[in-house]
PDB file of N, CA and C in Angstrom:
ATOM      1  N   MET A   1     -14.956 -61.085 -74.479  1.00  0.00           N
ATOM      2  CA  MET A   1     -15.929 -61.176 -73.420  1.00  0.00           C
ATOM      3  C   MET A   1     -15.449 -62.240 -72.425  1.00  0.00           C
ATOM      4  N   SER A   2     -15.721 -62.027 -71.173  1.00  0.00           N
ATOM      5  CA  SER A   2     -15.313 -62.954 -70.125  1.00  0.00           C
ATOM      6  C   SER A   2     -16.493 -63.775 -69.628  1.00  0.00           C
ATOM      7  N   THR A   3     -16.171 -64.922 -69.071  1.00  0.00           N
ATOM      8  CA  THR A   3     -17.177 -65.779 -68.467  1.00  0.00           C
ATOM      9  C   THR A   3     -16.996 -65.736 -66.959  1.00  0.00           C
ATOM     10  N   LEU A   4     -18.104 -65.678 -66.250  1.00  0.00           N
ATOM     11  CA  LEU A   4     -18.082 -65.585 -64.800  1.00  0.00           C
ATOM     12  C   LEU A   4     -19.036 -66.621 -64.227  1.00  0.00           C
ATOM     13  N   SER A   5     -18.541 -67.399 -63.302  1.00  0.00           N
ATOM     14  CA  SER A   5     -19.397 -68.351 -62.603  1.00  0.00           C
ATOM     15  C   SER A   5     -19.894 -67.654 -61.344  1.00  0.00           C
ATOM     16  N   LEU A   6     -21.194 -67.619 -61.166  1.00  0.00           N
ATOM     17  CA  LEU A   6     -21.783 -66.838 -60.073  1.00  0.00           C
ATOM     18  C   LEU A   6     -22.743 -67.708 -59.272  1.00  0.00           C
ATOM     19  N   ARG A   7     -22.598 -67.676 -57.977  1.00  0.00           N
ATOM     20  CA  ARG A   7     -23.530 -68.404 -57.100  1.00  0.00           C
ATOM     21  C   ARG A   7     -24.497 -67.379 -56.499  1.00  0.00           C
ATOM     22  N   LEU A   8     -25.775 -67.656 -56.660  1.00  0.00           N
ATOM     23  CA  LEU A   8     -26.818 -66.785 -56.123  1.00  0.00           C
ATOM     24  C   LEU A   8     -27.749 -67.601 -55.249  1.00  0.00           C
ATOM     25  N   PRO A   9     -28.253 -67.006 -54.190  1.00  0.00           N
ATOM     26  CA  PRO A   9     -29.306 -67.682 -53.438  1.00  0.00           C
ATOM     27  C   PRO A   9     -30.498 -67.925 -54.377  1.00  0.00           C
ATOM     28  N   GLU A  10     -31.171 -69.011 -54.171  1.00  0.00           N
ATOM     29  CA  GLU A  10     -32.286 -69.390 -55.050  1.00  0.00           C
ATOM     30  C   GLU A  10     -33.332 -68.280 -55.153  1.00  0.00           C
ATOM     31  N   SER A  11     -33.602 -67.605 -54.041  1.00  0.00           N
ATOM     32  CA  SER A  11     -34.619 -66.542 -54.051  1.00  0.00           C
ATOM     33  C   SER A  11     -34.211 -65.390 -54.980  1.00  0.00           C
ATOM     34  N   ILE A  12     -32.954 -65.032 -54.979  1.00  0.00           N
ATOM     35  CA  ILE A  12     -32.482 -63.952 -55.858  1.00  0.00           C
ATOM     36  C   ILE A  12     -32.515 -64.418 -57.309  1.00  0.00           C
ATOM     37  N   TYR A  13     -32.062 -65.641 -57.540  1.00  0.00           N
ATOM     38  CA  TYR A  13     -32.075 -66.182 -58.901  1.00  0.00           C
ATOM     39  C   TYR A  13     -33.489 -66.179 -59.471  1.00  0.00           C
ATOM     40  N   GLU A  14     -34.459 -66.565 -58.682  1.00  0.00           N
ATOM     41  CA  GLU A  14     -35.851 -66.590 -59.154  1.00  0.00           C
ATOM     42  C   GLU A  14     -36.330 -65.189 -59.509  1.00  0.00           C
ATOM     43  N   ARG A  15     -35.950 -64.201 -58.711  1.00  0.00           N
ATOM     44  CA  ARG A  15     -36.344 -62.805 -59.000  1.00  0.00           C
ATOM     45  C   ARG A  15     -35.665 -62.309 -60.270  1.00  0.00           C
ATOM     46  N   VAL A  16     -34.382 -62.636 -60.427  1.00  0.00           N
ATOM     47  CA  VAL A  16     -33.653 -62.254 -61.642  1.00  0.00           C
ATOM     48  C   VAL A  16     -34.349 -62.855 -62.857  1.00  0.00           C
ATOM     49  N   LYS A  17     -34.673 -64.125 -62.776  1.00  0.00           N
ATOM     50  CA  LYS A  17     -35.344 -64.814 -63.872  1.00  0.00           C
ATOM     51  C   LYS A  17     -36.684 -64.139 -64.189  1.00  0.00           C
ATOM     52  N   GLU A  18     -37.426 -63.820 -63.140  1.00  0.00           N
ATOM     53  CA  GLU A  18     -38.736 -63.176 -63.295  1.00  0.00           C
ATOM     54  C   GLU A  18     -38.620 -61.811 -63.993  1.00  0.00           C
ATOM     55  N   PHE A  19     -37.696 -60.976 -63.502  1.00  0.00           N
ATOM     56  CA  PHE A  19     -37.577 -59.623 -64.065  1.00  0.00           C
ATOM     57  C   PHE A  19     -36.959 -59.635 -65.460  1.00  0.00           C
ATOM     58  N   ALA A  20     -36.051 -60.542 -65.714  1.00  0.00           N
ATOM     59  CA  ALA A  20     -35.478 -60.661 -67.055  1.00  0.00           C
ATOM     60  C   ALA A  20     -36.568 -61.050 -68.048  1.00  0.00           C
ATOM     61  N   LYS A  21     -37.408 -61.983 -67.640  1.00  0.00           N
ATOM     62  CA  LYS A  21     -38.497 -62.417 -68.519  1.00  0.00           C
ATOM     63  C   LYS A  21     -39.462 -61.262 -68.774  1.00  0.00           C
ATOM     64  N   LYS A  22     -39.817 -60.515 -67.713  1.00  0.00           N
ATOM     65  CA  LYS A  22     -40.719 -59.359 -67.870  1.00  0.00           C
ATOM     66  C   LYS A  22     -40.137 -58.330 -68.830  1.00  0.00           C
ATOM     67  N   ASP A  23     -38.814 -58.165 -68.772  1.00  0.00           N
ATOM     68  CA  ASP A  23     -38.141 -57.170 -69.602  1.00  0.00           C
ATOM     69  C   ASP A  23     -37.823 -57.698 -70.993  1.00  0.00           C
ATOM     70  N   GLY A  24     -38.043 -59.005 -71.207  1.00  0.00           N
ATOM     71  CA  GLY A  24     -37.802 -59.598 -72.518  1.00  0.00           C
ATOM     72  C   GLY A  24     -36.324 -59.744 -72.848  1.00  0.00           C
ATOM     73  N   ILE A  25     -35.493 -59.943 -71.818  1.00  0.00           N
ATOM     74  CA  ILE A  25     -34.052 -60.095 -72.027  1.00  0.00           C
ATOM     75  C   ILE A  25     -33.572 -61.370 -71.342  1.00  0.00           C
ATOM     76  N   SER A  26     -32.353 -61.757 -71.672  1.00  0.00           N
ATOM     77  CA  SER A  26     -31.799 -62.954 -71.044  1.00  0.00           C
ATOM     78  C   SER A  26     -31.341 -62.641 -69.622  1.00  0.00           C
ATOM     79  N   ILE A  27     -31.150 -63.690 -68.854  1.00  0.00           N
ATOM     80  CA  ILE A  27     -30.629 -63.526 -67.492  1.00  0.00           C
ATOM     81  C   ILE A  27     -29.245 -62.884 -67.549  1.00  0.00           C
ATOM     82  N   ASN A  28     -28.422 -63.310 -68.519  1.00  0.00           N
ATOM     83  CA  ASN A  28     -27.090 -62.713 -68.668  1.00  0.00           C
ATOM     84  C   ASN A  28     -27.180 -61.215 -68.927  1.00  0.00           C
ATOM     85  N   GLN A  29     -28.077 -60.804 -69.813  1.00  0.00           N
ATOM     86  CA  GLN A  29     -28.248 -59.376 -70.096  1.00  0.00           C
ATOM     87  C   GLN A  29     -28.717 -58.631 -68.856  1.00  0.00           C
ATOM     88  N   PHE A  30     -29.639 -59.228 -68.118  1.00  0.00           N
ATOM     89  CA  PHE A  30     -30.157 -58.591 -66.908  1.00  0.00           C
ATOM     90  C   PHE A  30     -29.046 -58.368 -65.895  1.00  0.00           C
ATOM     91  N   ILE A  31     -28.248 -59.412 -65.644  1.00  0.00           N
ATOM     92  CA  ILE A  31     -27.169 -59.305 -64.657  1.00  0.00           C
ATOM     93  C   ILE A  31     -26.104 -58.327 -65.144  1.00  0.00           C
ATOM     94  N   SER A  32     -25.777 -58.373 -66.426  1.00  0.00           N
ATOM     95  CA  SER A  32     -24.795 -57.443 -66.981  1.00  0.00           C
ATOM     96  C   SER A  32     -25.257 -55.997 -66.815  1.00  0.00           C
ATOM     97  N   SER A  33     -26.526 -55.763 -67.059  1.00  0.00           N
ATOM     98  CA  SER A  33     -27.090 -54.422 -66.898  1.00  0.00           C
ATOM     99  C   SER A  33     -27.061 -53.983 -65.435  1.00  0.00           C
ATOM    100  N   ALA A  34     -27.404 -54.897 -64.533  1.00  0.00           N
ATOM    101  CA  ALA A  34     -27.399 -54.574 -63.105  1.00  0.00           C
ATOM    102  C   ALA A  34     -25.991 -54.235 -62.618  1.00  0.00           C
ATOM    103  N   VAL A  35     -25.007 -54.998 -63.071  1.00  0.00           N
ATOM    104  CA  VAL A  35     -23.613 -54.729 -62.689  1.00  0.00           C
ATOM    105  C   VAL A  35     -23.170 -53.390 -63.274  1.00  0.00           C
ATOM    106  N   SER A  36     -23.554 -53.112 -64.506  1.00  0.00           N
ATOM    107  CA  SER A  36     -23.207 -51.831 -65.135  1.00  0.00           C
ATOM    108  C   SER A  36     -23.790 -50.655 -64.365  1.00  0.00           C
ATOM    109  N   GLU A  37     -25.029 -50.791 -63.920  1.00  0.00           N
ATOM    110  CA  GLU A  37     -25.657 -49.732 -63.130  1.00  0.00           C
ATOM    111  C   GLU A  37     -24.908 -49.496 -61.825  1.00  0.00           C
ATOM    112  N   LYS A  38     -24.496 -50.562 -61.175  1.00  0.00           N
ATOM    113  CA  LYS A  38     -23.760 -50.444 -59.914  1.00  0.00           C
ATOM    114  C   LYS A  38     -22.402 -49.778 -60.141  1.00  0.00           C
ATOM    115  N   ILE A  39     -21.710 -50.172 -61.208  1.00  0.00           N
ATOM    116  CA  ILE A  39     -20.424 -49.562 -61.544  1.00  0.00           C
ATOM    117  C   ILE A  39     -20.613 -48.071 -61.810  1.00  0.00           C
ATOM    118  N   SER A  40     -21.657 -47.732 -62.530  1.00  0.00           N
ATOM    119  CA  SER A  40     -21.948 -46.330 -62.827  1.00  0.00           C
ATOM    120  C   SER A  40     -22.191 -45.535 -61.547  1.00  0.00           C
ATOM    121  N   ALA A  41     -22.905 -46.131 -60.600  1.00  0.00           N
ATOM    122  CA  ALA A  41     -23.167 -45.453 -59.323  1.00  0.00           C
ATOM    123  C   ALA A  41     -21.868 -45.192 -58.570  1.00  0.00           C
ATOM    124  N   PHE A  42     -20.988 -46.188 -58.513  1.00  0.00           N
ATOM    125  CA  PHE A  42     -19.699 -46.005 -57.834  1.00  0.00           C
ATOM    126  C   PHE A  42     -18.849 -44.964 -58.553  1.00  0.00           C
ATOM    127  N   ALA A  43     -18.826 -45.015 -59.882  1.00  0.00           N
ATOM    128  CA  ALA A  43     -18.027 -44.051 -60.655  1.00  0.00           C
ATOM    129  C   ALA A  43     -18.547 -42.630 -60.440  1.00  0.00           C
ATOM    130  N   THR A  44     -19.855 -42.473 -60.387  1.00  0.00           N
ATOM    131  CA  THR A  44     -20.445 -41.151 -60.152  1.00  0.00           C
ATOM    132  C   THR A  44     -20.076 -40.642 -58.771  1.00  0.00           C
ATOM    133  N   LYS A  45     -20.149 -41.511 -57.786  1.00  0.00           N
ATOM    134  CA  LYS A  45     -19.777 -41.128 -56.418  1.00  0.00           C
ATOM    135  C   LYS A  45     -18.316 -40.682 -56.372  1.00  0.00           C
ATOM    136  N   ASP A  46     -17.442 -41.462 -56.996  1.00  0.00           N
ATOM    137  CA  ASP A  46     -16.018 -41.106 -57.026  1.00  0.00           C
ATOM    138  C   ASP A  46     -15.797 -39.760 -57.713  1.00  0.00           C
ATOM    139  N   TYR A  47     -16.491 -39.554 -58.842  1.00  0.00           N
ATOM    140  CA  TYR A  47     -16.357 -38.310 -59.589  1.00  0.00           C
ATOM    141  C   TYR A  47     -16.817 -37.112 -58.751  1.00  0.00           C
ATOM    142  N   LEU A  48     -17.960 -37.247 -58.097  1.00  0.00           N
ATOM    143  CA  LEU A  48     -18.479 -36.140 -57.295  1.00  0.00           C
ATOM    144  C   LEU A  48     -17.584 -35.842 -56.092  1.00  0.00           C
ATOM    145  N   GLU A  49     -17.012 -36.885 -55.493  1.00  0.00           N
ATOM    146  CA  GLU A  49     -16.091 -36.666 -54.381  1.00  0.00           C
ATOM    147  C   GLU A  49     -14.843 -35.931 -54.856  1.00  0.00           C
ATOM    148  N   LEU A  50     -14.341 -36.289 -56.024  1.00  0.00           N
ATOM    149  CA  LEU A  50     -13.179 -35.613 -56.586  1.00  0.00           C
ATOM    150  C   LEU A  50     -13.484 -34.145 -56.864  1.00  0.00           C
ATOM    151  N   ARG A  51     -14.643 -33.880 -57.458  1.00  0.00           N
ATOM    152  CA  ARG A  51     -15.052 -32.496 -57.736  1.00  0.00           C
ATOM    153  C   ARG A  51     -15.229 -31.704 -56.446  1.00  0.00           C
ATOM    154  N   ALA A  52     -15.768 -32.336 -55.413  1.00  0.00           N
ATOM    155  CA  ALA A  52     -15.989 -31.649 -54.139  1.00  0.00           C
ATOM    156  C   ALA A  52     -14.656 -31.236 -53.517  1.00  0.00           C
ATOM    157  N   LYS A  53     -13.624 -32.040 -53.688  1.00  0.00           N
ATOM    158  CA  LYS A  53     -12.308 -31.698 -53.141  1.00  0.00           C
ATOM    159  C   LYS A  53     -11.719 -30.468 -53.828  1.00  0.00           C
ATOM    160  N   ARG A  54     -12.112 -30.242 -55.081  1.00  0.00           N
ATOM    161  CA  ARG A  54     -11.608 -29.095 -55.828  1.00  0.00           C
ATOM    162  C   ARG A  54     -12.449 -27.839 -55.609  1.00  0.00           C
ATOM    163  N   ALA A  55     -13.493 -27.950 -54.826  1.00  0.00           N
ATOM    164  CA  ALA A  55     -14.424 -26.835 -54.632  1.00  0.00           C
ATOM    165  C   ALA A  55     -13.726 -25.640 -53.988  1.00  0.00           C
ATOM    166  N   ASN A  56     -14.213 -24.461 -54.364  1.00  0.00           N
ATOM    167  CA  ASN A  56     -13.695 -23.223 -53.816  1.00  0.00           C
ATOM    168  C   ASN A  56     -14.857 -22.498 -53.125  1.00  0.00           C
ATOM    169  N   PRO A  57     -14.903 -22.534 -51.787  1.00  0.00           N
ATOM    170  CA  PRO A  57     -16.025 -21.922 -51.066  1.00  0.00           C
ATOM    171  C   PRO A  57     -16.233 -20.444 -51.406  1.00  0.00           C
ATOM    172  N   LYS A  58     -15.144 -19.709 -51.632  1.00  0.00           N
ATOM    173  CA  LYS A  58     -15.267 -18.278 -51.946  1.00  0.00           C
ATOM    174  C   LYS A  58     -15.997 -18.096 -53.283  1.00  0.00           C
ATOM    175  N   LYS A  59     -15.592 -18.858 -54.300  1.00  0.00           N
ATOM    176  CA  LYS A  59     -16.249 -18.750 -55.607  1.00  0.00           C
ATOM    177  C   LYS A  59     -17.707 -19.198 -55.533  1.00  0.00           C
ATOM    178  N   TYR A  60     -17.979 -20.198 -54.705  1.00  0.00           N
ATOM    179  CA  TYR A  60     -19.348 -20.683 -54.530  1.00  0.00           C
ATOM    180  C   TYR A  60     -20.231 -19.568 -53.959  1.00  0.00           C
ATOM    181  N   LYS A  61     -19.729 -18.900 -52.926  1.00  0.00           N
ATOM    182  CA  LYS A  61     -20.502 -17.810 -52.308  1.00  0.00           C
ATOM    183  C   LYS A  61     -20.682 -16.653 -53.276  1.00  0.00           C
ATOM    184  N   GLU A  62     -19.663 -16.376 -54.090  1.00  0.00           N
ATOM    185  CA  GLU A  62     -19.778 -15.315 -55.099  1.00  0.00           C
ATOM    186  C   GLU A  62     -20.871 -15.653 -56.111  1.00  0.00           C
ATOM    187  N   ALA A  63     -20.891 -16.900 -56.541  1.00  0.00           N
ATOM    188  CA  ALA A  63     -21.907 -17.324 -57.508  1.00  0.00           C
ATOM    189  C   ALA A  63     -23.304 -17.219 -56.898  1.00  0.00           C
ATOM    190  N   LEU A  64     -23.455 -17.632 -55.637  1.00  0.00           N
ATOM    191  CA  LEU A  64     -24.761 -17.539 -54.978  1.00  0.00           C
ATOM    192  C   LEU A  64     -25.205 -16.090 -54.826  1.00  0.00           C
ATOM    193  N   SER A  65     -24.269 -15.197 -54.616  1.00  0.00           N
ATOM    194  CA  SER A  65     -24.623 -13.795 -54.423  1.00  0.00           C
ATOM    195  C   SER A  65     -25.184 -13.164 -55.693  1.00  0.00           C
ATOM    196  N   MET A  66     -24.953 -13.771 -56.841  1.00  0.00           N
ATOM    197  CA  MET A  66     -25.457 -13.231 -58.112  1.00  0.00           C
ATOM    198  C   MET A  66     -26.895 -13.644 -58.388  1.00  0.00           C
ATOM    199  N   ILE A  67     -27.440 -14.528 -57.574  1.00  0.00           N
ATOM    200  CA  ILE A  67     -28.819 -14.984 -57.768  1.00  0.00           C
ATOM    201  C   ILE A  67     -29.766 -13.968 -57.138  1.00  0.00           C
ATOM    202  N   SER A  68     -30.756 -13.527 -57.908  1.00  0.00           N
ATOM    203  CA  SER A  68     -31.690 -12.537 -57.379  1.00  0.00           C
ATOM    204  C   SER A  68     -32.565 -13.153 -56.294  1.00  0.00           C
ATOM    205  N   ASP A  69     -33.000 -12.312 -55.384  1.00  0.00           N
ATOM    206  CA  ASP A  69     -33.813 -12.761 -54.252  1.00  0.00           C
ATOM    207  C   ASP A  69     -35.287 -12.701 -54.650  1.00  0.00           C
ATOM    208  N   VAL A  70     -35.741 -13.748 -55.316  1.00  0.00           N
ATOM    209  CA  VAL A  70     -37.111 -13.814 -55.824  1.00  0.00           C
ATOM    210  C   VAL A  70     -37.802 -15.012 -55.187  1.00  0.00           C
ATOM    211  N   GLU A  71     -39.051 -14.840 -54.817  1.00  0.00           N
ATOM    212  CA  GLU A  71     -39.828 -15.947 -54.257  1.00  0.00           C
ATOM    213  C   GLU A  71     -40.010 -17.025 -55.324  1.00  0.00           C
ATOM    214  N   PRO A  72     -39.880 -18.292 -54.938  1.00  0.00           N
ATOM    215  CA  PRO A  72     -40.069 -19.371 -55.919  1.00  0.00           C
ATOM    216  C   PRO A  72     -41.537 -19.503 -56.322  1.00  0.00           C
ATOM    217  N   GLU A  73     -41.752 -20.063 -57.501  1.00  0.00           N
ATOM    218  CA  GLU A  73     -43.102 -20.358 -57.955  1.00  0.00           C
ATOM    219  C   GLU A  73     -43.737 -21.340 -56.971  1.00  0.00           C
ATOM    220  N   GLY A  74     -45.034 -21.406 -56.930  1.00  0.00           N
ATOM    221  CA  GLY A  74     -45.737 -22.289 -56.000  1.00  0.00           C
ATOM    222  C   GLY A  74     -45.335 -23.738 -56.128  1.00  0.00           C
ATOM    223  N   PHE A  75     -45.117 -24.213 -57.378  1.00  0.00           N
ATOM    224  CA  PHE A  75     -44.749 -25.611 -57.580  1.00  0.00           C
ATOM    225  C   PHE A  75     -43.312 -25.906 -57.176  1.00  0.00           C
ATOM    226  N   ASP A  76     -42.524 -24.863 -56.916  1.00  0.00           N
ATOM    227  CA  ASP A  76     -41.129 -25.042 -56.525  1.00  0.00           C
ATOM    228  C   ASP A  76     -40.896 -24.907 -55.030  1.00  0.00           C
ATOM    229  N   ARG A  77     -41.933 -24.698 -54.289  1.00  0.00           N
ATOM    230  CA  ARG A  77     -41.784 -24.519 -52.833  1.00  0.00           C
ATOM    231  C   ARG A  77     -41.817 -25.847 -52.116  1.00  0.00           C
ATOM    232  N   LEU A  78     -41.097 -25.892 -51.011  1.00  0.00           N
ATOM    233  CA  LEU A  78     -41.085 -27.109 -50.209  1.00  0.00           C
ATOM    234  C   LEU A  78     -42.283 -27.165 -49.294  1.00  0.00           C
TER     235      LEU A  78
END
């Protein structure tokens, strides 16, 4: 495990302390979780961009053409 020295504005530190306490975890756990969530968001974005580059518009249109033309249920309408 690594150690990191981090400078935070007092207002952010107070919020971190508040939410960590509400969640029943340490400040270190809270920050570690927050960083993990951010890393996951970036990794997901990278993954989706990579998949989008491999997309085949012709196959996409073929797949859409196989969907029946049925009205959506009331709860599914915009």
